[in-house]
Amino acid sequence: MDEKLSTDTAAAARHARFGKLPERIRFEDMAEEVEPAPAGGVRTYNPEGSWKYYSCLALDLGL
């Protein structure tokens, strides 16, 4: 009989804490519309960061 009573107490505690699910969020509220950047945007040259995009097969092979 004590097991049933403790189970009911635990179930009541769970129900008090998690008894109700949060309200559902609509898809329209989750999605954000952003204007794309123009295709002919201004690009600046960064000489200090250009090494990141440099690729050479001879250097990759150690030649």
PDB file of N, CA and C in Angstrom:
ATOM      1  N   MET A   1       0.815  -1.188   0.000  1.00  0.00           N
ATOM      2  CA  MET A   1       0.000   0.000   0.000  1.00  0.00           C
ATOM      3  C   MET A   1       0.864   1.259   0.000  1.00  0.00           C
ATOM      4  N   ASP A   2       2.021   1.202   0.663  1.00  0.00           N
ATOM      5  CA  ASP A   2       2.899   2.366   0.695  1.00  0.00           C
ATOM      6  C   ASP A   2       3.461   2.672  -0.694  1.00  0.00           C
ATOM      7  N   GLU A   3       3.710   1.624  -1.495  1.00  0.00           N
ATOM      8  CA  GLU A   3       4.226   1.849  -2.855  1.00  0.00           C
ATOM      9  C   GLU A   3       3.228   2.649  -3.679  1.00  0.00           C
ATOM     10  N   LYS A   4       1.986   2.310  -3.603  1.00  0.00           N
ATOM     11  CA  LYS A   4       0.963   3.021  -4.361  1.00  0.00           C
ATOM     12  C   LYS A   4       0.880   4.478  -3.910  1.00  0.00           C
ATOM     13  N   LEU A   5       0.992   4.714  -2.622  1.00  0.00           N
ATOM     14  CA  LEU A   5       0.917   6.060  -2.104  1.00  0.00           C
ATOM     15  C   LEU A   5       2.113   6.891  -2.555  1.00  0.00           C
ATOM     16  N   SER A   6       3.317   6.311  -2.535  1.00  0.00           N
ATOM     17  CA  SER A   6       4.502   7.049  -2.980  1.00  0.00           C
ATOM     18  C   SER A   6       4.474   7.276  -4.484  1.00  0.00           C
ATOM     19  N   THR A   7       3.948   6.328  -5.235  1.00  0.00           N
ATOM     20  CA  THR A   7       3.821   6.488  -6.678  1.00  0.00           C
ATOM     21  C   THR A   7       2.849   7.615  -6.998  1.00  0.00           C
ATOM     22  N   ASP A   8       1.765   7.680  -6.281  1.00  0.00           N
ATOM     23  CA  ASP A   8       0.798   8.749  -6.489  1.00  0.00           C
ATOM     24  C   ASP A   8       1.396  10.108  -6.129  1.00  0.00           C
ATOM     25  N   THR A   9       2.198  10.139  -5.090  1.00  0.00           N
ATOM     26  CA  THR A   9       2.845  11.390  -4.693  1.00  0.00           C
ATOM     27  C   THR A   9       3.824  11.835  -5.765  1.00  0.00           C
ATOM     28  N   ALA A  10       4.597  10.882  -6.286  1.00  0.00           N
ATOM     29  CA  ALA A  10       5.552  11.206  -7.353  1.00  0.00           C
ATOM     30  C   ALA A  10       4.813  11.650  -8.610  1.00  0.00           C
ATOM     31  N   ALA A  11       3.728  10.977  -8.930  1.00  0.00           N
ATOM     32  CA  ALA A  11       2.948  11.346 -10.107  1.00  0.00           C
ATOM     33  C   ALA A  11       2.338  12.731  -9.928  1.00  0.00           C
ATOM     34  N   ALA A  12       1.895  13.042  -8.741  1.00  0.00           N
ATOM     35  CA  ALA A  12       1.317  14.366  -8.480  1.00  0.00           C
ATOM     36  C   ALA A  12       2.396  15.444  -8.596  1.00  0.00           C
ATOM     37  N   ALA A  13       3.606  15.149  -8.113  1.00  0.00           N
ATOM     38  CA  ALA A  13       4.696  16.116  -8.216  1.00  0.00           C
ATOM     39  C   ALA A  13       5.074  16.343  -9.680  1.00  0.00           C
ATOM     40  N   ARG A  14       5.134  15.251 -10.462  1.00  0.00           N
ATOM     41  CA  ARG A  14       5.434  15.388 -11.896  1.00  0.00           C
ATOM     42  C   ARG A  14       4.355  16.184 -12.607  1.00  0.00           C
ATOM     43  N   HIS A  15       3.130  15.917 -12.274  1.00  0.00           N
ATOM     44  CA  HIS A  15       2.032  16.624 -12.922  1.00  0.00           C
ATOM     45  C   HIS A  15       2.044  18.111 -12.552  1.00  0.00           C
ATOM     46  N   ALA A  16       2.410  18.420 -11.315  1.00  0.00           N
ATOM     47  CA  ALA A  16       2.473  19.827 -10.907  1.00  0.00           C
ATOM     48  C   ALA A  16       3.583  20.551 -11.653  1.00  0.00           C
ATOM     49  N   ARG A  17       4.672  19.838 -11.929  1.00  0.00           N
ATOM     50  CA  ARG A  17       5.802  20.483 -12.606  1.00  0.00           C
ATOM     51  C   ARG A  17       5.654  20.485 -14.124  1.00  0.00           C
ATOM     52  N   PHE A  18       5.241  19.337 -14.692  1.00  0.00           N
ATOM     53  CA  PHE A  18       5.188  19.177 -16.145  1.00  0.00           C
ATOM     54  C   PHE A  18       3.779  18.901 -16.645  1.00  0.00           C
ATOM     55  N   GLY A  19       2.779  19.326 -15.962  1.00  0.00           N
ATOM     56  CA  GLY A  19       1.406  18.953 -16.280  1.00  0.00           C
ATOM     57  C   GLY A  19       0.881  19.494 -17.591  1.00  0.00           C
ATOM     58  N   LYS A  20       1.460  20.568 -18.089  1.00  0.00           N
ATOM     59  CA  LYS A  20       0.911  21.183 -19.290  1.00  0.00           C
ATOM     60  C   LYS A  20       2.044  21.461 -20.272  1.00  0.00           C
ATOM     61  N   LEU A  21       1.844  21.120 -21.523  1.00  0.00           N
ATOM     62  CA  LEU A  21       2.838  21.400 -22.555  1.00  0.00           C
ATOM     63  C   LEU A  21       2.807  22.881 -22.913  1.00  0.00           C
ATOM     64  N   PRO A  22       3.944  23.428 -23.344  1.00  0.00           N
ATOM     65  CA  PRO A  22       3.933  24.828 -23.780  1.00  0.00           C
ATOM     66  C   PRO A  22       3.088  24.990 -25.040  1.00  0.00           C
ATOM     67  N   GLU A  23       2.651  26.200 -25.278  1.00  0.00           N
ATOM     68  CA  GLU A  23       1.822  26.439 -26.460  1.00  0.00           C
ATOM     69  C   GLU A  23       2.626  26.216 -27.729  1.00  0.00           C
ATOM     70  N   ARG A  24       1.951  25.740 -28.743  1.00  0.00           N
ATOM     71  CA  ARG A  24       2.598  25.445 -30.016  1.00  0.00           C
ATOM     72  C   ARG A  24       2.980  26.733 -30.736  1.00  0.00           C
ATOM     73  N   ILE A  25       4.170  26.734 -31.335  1.00  0.00           N
ATOM     74  CA  ILE A  25       4.646  27.902 -32.082  1.00  0.00           C
ATOM     75  C   ILE A  25       4.342  27.674 -33.553  1.00  0.00           C
ATOM     76  N   ARG A  26       3.727  28.652 -34.182  1.00  0.00           N
ATOM     77  CA  ARG A  26       3.390  28.527 -35.599  1.00  0.00           C
ATOM     78  C   ARG A  26       4.655  28.634 -36.442  1.00  0.00           C
ATOM     79  N   PHE A  27       4.635  28.024 -37.623  1.00  0.00           N
ATOM     80  CA  PHE A  27       5.787  28.071 -38.525  1.00  0.00           C
ATOM     81  C   PHE A  27       6.079  29.495 -38.964  1.00  0.00           C
ATOM     82  N   GLU A  28       5.045  30.281 -39.174  1.00  0.00           N
ATOM     83  CA  GLU A  28       5.229  31.663 -39.605  1.00  0.00           C
ATOM     84  C   GLU A  28       6.004  32.466 -38.560  1.00  0.00           C
ATOM     85  N   ASP A  29       5.837  32.113 -37.299  1.00  0.00           N
ATOM     86  CA  ASP A  29       6.559  32.810 -36.240  1.00  0.00           C
ATOM     87  C   ASP A  29       8.012  32.349 -36.137  1.00  0.00           C
ATOM     88  N   MET A  30       8.311  31.151 -36.635  1.00  0.00           N
ATOM     89  CA  MET A  30       9.674  30.634 -36.571  1.00  0.00           C
ATOM     90  C   MET A  30      10.532  31.128 -37.729  1.00  0.00           C
ATOM     91  N   ALA A  31       9.940  31.320 -38.894  1.00  0.00           N
ATOM     92  CA  ALA A  31      10.697  31.706 -40.081  1.00  0.00           C
ATOM     93  C   ALA A  31      10.888  33.221 -40.101  1.00  0.00           C
ATOM     94  N   GLU A  32      12.049  33.636 -40.557  1.00  0.00           N
ATOM     95  CA  GLU A  32      12.342  35.058 -40.658  1.00  0.00           C
ATOM     96  C   GLU A  32      12.701  35.369 -42.101  1.00  0.00           C
ATOM     97  N   GLU A  33      12.036  36.338 -42.676  1.00  0.00           N
ATOM     98  CA  GLU A  33      12.313  36.722 -44.051  1.00  0.00           C
ATOM     99  C   GLU A  33      13.355  37.833 -44.063  1.00  0.00           C
ATOM    100  N   VAL A  34      14.406  37.627 -44.866  1.00  0.00           N
ATOM    101  CA  VAL A  34      15.487  38.594 -44.955  1.00  0.00           C
ATOM    102  C   VAL A  34      15.726  38.897 -46.425  1.00  0.00           C
ATOM    103  N   GLU A  35      15.890  40.159 -46.738  1.00  0.00           N
ATOM    104  CA  GLU A  35      16.192  40.543 -48.117  1.00  0.00           C
ATOM    105  C   GLU A  35      17.607  40.092 -48.471  1.00  0.00           C
ATOM    106  N   PRO A  36      17.777  39.444 -49.620  1.00  0.00           N
ATOM    107  CA  PRO A  36      19.126  39.021 -50.013  1.00  0.00           C
ATOM    108  C   PRO A  36      19.979  40.208 -50.435  1.00  0.00           C
ATOM    109  N   ALA A  37      21.274  40.033 -50.304  1.00  0.00           N
ATOM    110  CA  ALA A  37      22.200  41.083 -50.729  1.00  0.00           C
ATOM    111  C   ALA A  37      22.208  41.132 -52.257  1.00  0.00           C
ATOM    112  N   PRO A  38      22.416  42.292 -52.845  1.00  0.00           N
ATOM    113  CA  PRO A  38      22.460  42.364 -54.310  1.00  0.00           C
ATOM    114  C   PRO A  38      23.623  41.541 -54.856  1.00  0.00           C
ATOM    115  N   ALA A  39      23.435  40.963 -56.046  1.00  0.00           N
ATOM    116  CA  ALA A  39      24.440  40.078 -56.638  1.00  0.00           C
ATOM    117  C   ALA A  39      25.717  40.825 -56.992  1.00  0.00           C
ATOM    118  N   GLY A  40      25.618  42.062 -57.360  1.00  0.00           N
ATOM    119  CA  GLY A  40      26.781  42.841 -57.743  1.00  0.00           C
ATOM    120  C   GLY A  40      27.326  43.650 -56.578  1.00  0.00           C
ATOM    121  N   GLY A  41      27.316  43.057 -55.382  1.00  0.00           N
ATOM    122  CA  GLY A  41      27.735  43.779 -54.183  1.00  0.00           C
ATOM    123  C   GLY A  41      29.206  44.164 -54.226  1.00  0.00           C
ATOM    124  N   VAL A  42      29.569  45.089 -53.385  1.00  0.00           N
ATOM    125  CA  VAL A  42      30.942  45.582 -53.318  1.00  0.00           C
ATOM    126  C   VAL A  42      31.784  44.563 -52.569  1.00  0.00           C
ATOM    127  N   ARG A  43      32.873  44.146 -53.178  1.00  0.00           N
ATOM    128  CA  ARG A  43      33.793  43.219 -52.544  1.00  0.00           C
ATOM    129  C   ARG A  43      35.120  43.927 -52.344  1.00  0.00           C
ATOM    130  N   THR A  44      35.666  43.809 -51.179  1.00  0.00           N
ATOM    131  CA  THR A  44      36.942  44.445 -50.898  1.00  0.00           C
ATOM    132  C   THR A  44      38.020  43.380 -50.796  1.00  0.00           C
ATOM    133  N   TYR A  45      39.214  43.728 -51.184  1.00  0.00           N
ATOM    134  CA  TYR A  45      40.351  42.819 -51.130  1.00  0.00           C
ATOM    135  C   TYR A  45      41.040  42.966 -49.779  1.00  0.00           C
ATOM    136  N   ASN A  46      41.232  41.856 -49.118  1.00  0.00           N
ATOM    137  CA  ASN A  46      41.910  41.851 -47.831  1.00  0.00           C
ATOM    138  C   ASN A  46      43.206  41.054 -47.992  1.00  0.00           C
ATOM    139  N   PRO A  47      44.360  41.699 -48.142  1.00  0.00           N
ATOM    140  CA  PRO A  47      45.603  40.961 -48.378  1.00  0.00           C
ATOM    141  C   PRO A  47      46.009  40.077 -47.203  1.00  0.00           C
ATOM    142  N   GLU A  48      45.649  40.446 -45.979  1.00  0.00           N
ATOM    143  CA  GLU A  48      46.021  39.632 -44.828  1.00  0.00           C
ATOM    144  C   GLU A  48      45.184  38.361 -44.730  1.00  0.00           C
ATOM    145  N   GLY A  49      43.996  38.380 -45.272  1.00  0.00           N
ATOM    146  CA  GLY A  49      43.139  37.205 -45.211  1.00  0.00           C
ATOM    147  C   GLY A  49      43.133  36.403 -46.498  1.00  0.00           C
ATOM    148  N   SER A  50      43.919  36.813 -47.494  1.00  0.00           N
ATOM    149  CA  SER A  50      43.876  36.131 -48.785  1.00  0.00           C
ATOM    150  C   SER A  50      44.519  34.752 -48.730  1.00  0.00           C
ATOM    151  N   TRP A  51      45.389  34.484 -47.768  1.00  0.00           N
ATOM    152  CA  TRP A  51      46.035  33.177 -47.683  1.00  0.00           C
ATOM    153  C   TRP A  51      45.034  32.071 -47.401  1.00  0.00           C
ATOM    154  N   LYS A  52      43.893  32.404 -46.857  1.00  0.00           N
ATOM    155  CA  LYS A  52      42.882  31.402 -46.534  1.00  0.00           C
ATOM    156  C   LYS A  52      42.312  30.760 -47.796  1.00  0.00           C
ATOM    157  N   TYR A  53      42.325  31.490 -48.894  1.00  0.00           N
ATOM    158  CA  TYR A  53      41.680  31.027 -50.114  1.00  0.00           C
ATOM    159  C   TYR A  53      42.680  30.598 -51.172  1.00  0.00           C
ATOM    160  N   TYR A  54      43.954  30.544 -50.829  1.00  0.00           N
ATOM    161  CA  TYR A  54      44.990  30.199 -51.798  1.00  0.00           C
ATOM    162  C   TYR A  54      45.181  28.692 -51.796  1.00  0.00           C
ATOM    163  N   SER A  55      45.183  28.083 -52.953  1.00  0.00           N
ATOM    164  CA  SER A  55      45.380  26.653 -53.044  1.00  0.00           C
ATOM    165  C   SER A  55      46.328  26.372 -54.205  1.00  0.00           C
ATOM    166  N   CYS A  56      47.327  25.553 -53.945  1.00  0.00           N
ATOM    167  CA  CYS A  56      48.295  25.197 -54.969  1.00  0.00           C
ATOM    168  C   CYS A  56      48.651  23.736 -54.774  1.00  0.00           C
ATOM    169  N   LEU A  57      48.528  22.945 -55.826  1.00  0.00           N
ATOM    170  CA  LEU A  57      48.800  21.520 -55.736  1.00  0.00           C
ATOM    171  C   LEU A  57      50.261  21.255 -55.392  1.00  0.00           C
ATOM    172  N   ALA A  58      51.181  22.039 -55.962  1.00  0.00           N
ATOM    173  CA  ALA A  58      52.602  21.832 -55.671  1.00  0.00           C
ATOM    174  C   ALA A  58      52.872  22.082 -54.177  1.00  0.00           C
ATOM    175  N   LEU A  59      52.267  23.101 -53.599  1.00  0.00           N
ATOM    176  CA  LEU A  59      52.463  23.348 -52.168  1.00  0.00           C
ATOM    177  C   LEU A  59      51.805  22.276 -51.317  1.00  0.00           C
ATOM    178  N   ASP A  60      50.643  21.795 -51.761  1.00  0.00           N
ATOM    179  CA  ASP A  60      49.976  20.742 -51.005  1.00  0.00           C
ATOM    180  C   ASP A  60      50.790  19.454 -50.991  1.00  0.00           C
ATOM    181  N   LEU A  61      51.525  19.176 -52.084  1.00  0.00           N
ATOM    182  CA  LEU A  61      52.336  17.961 -52.155  1.00  0.00           C
ATOM    183  C   LEU A  61      53.726  18.168 -51.533  1.00  0.00           C
ATOM    184  N   GLY A  62      54.032  19.383 -51.178  1.00  0.00           N
ATOM    185  CA  GLY A  62      55.331  19.662 -50.569  1.00  0.00           C
ATOM    186  C   GLY A  62      56.439  19.773 -51.586  1.00  0.00           C
ATOM    187  N   LEU A  63      56.130  20.110 -52.818  1.00  0.00           N
ATOM    188  CA  LEU A  63      57.153  20.220 -53.861  1.00  0.00           C
ATOM    189  C   LEU A  63      57.740  21.595 -53.919  1.00  0.00           C
TER     190      LEU A  63
END
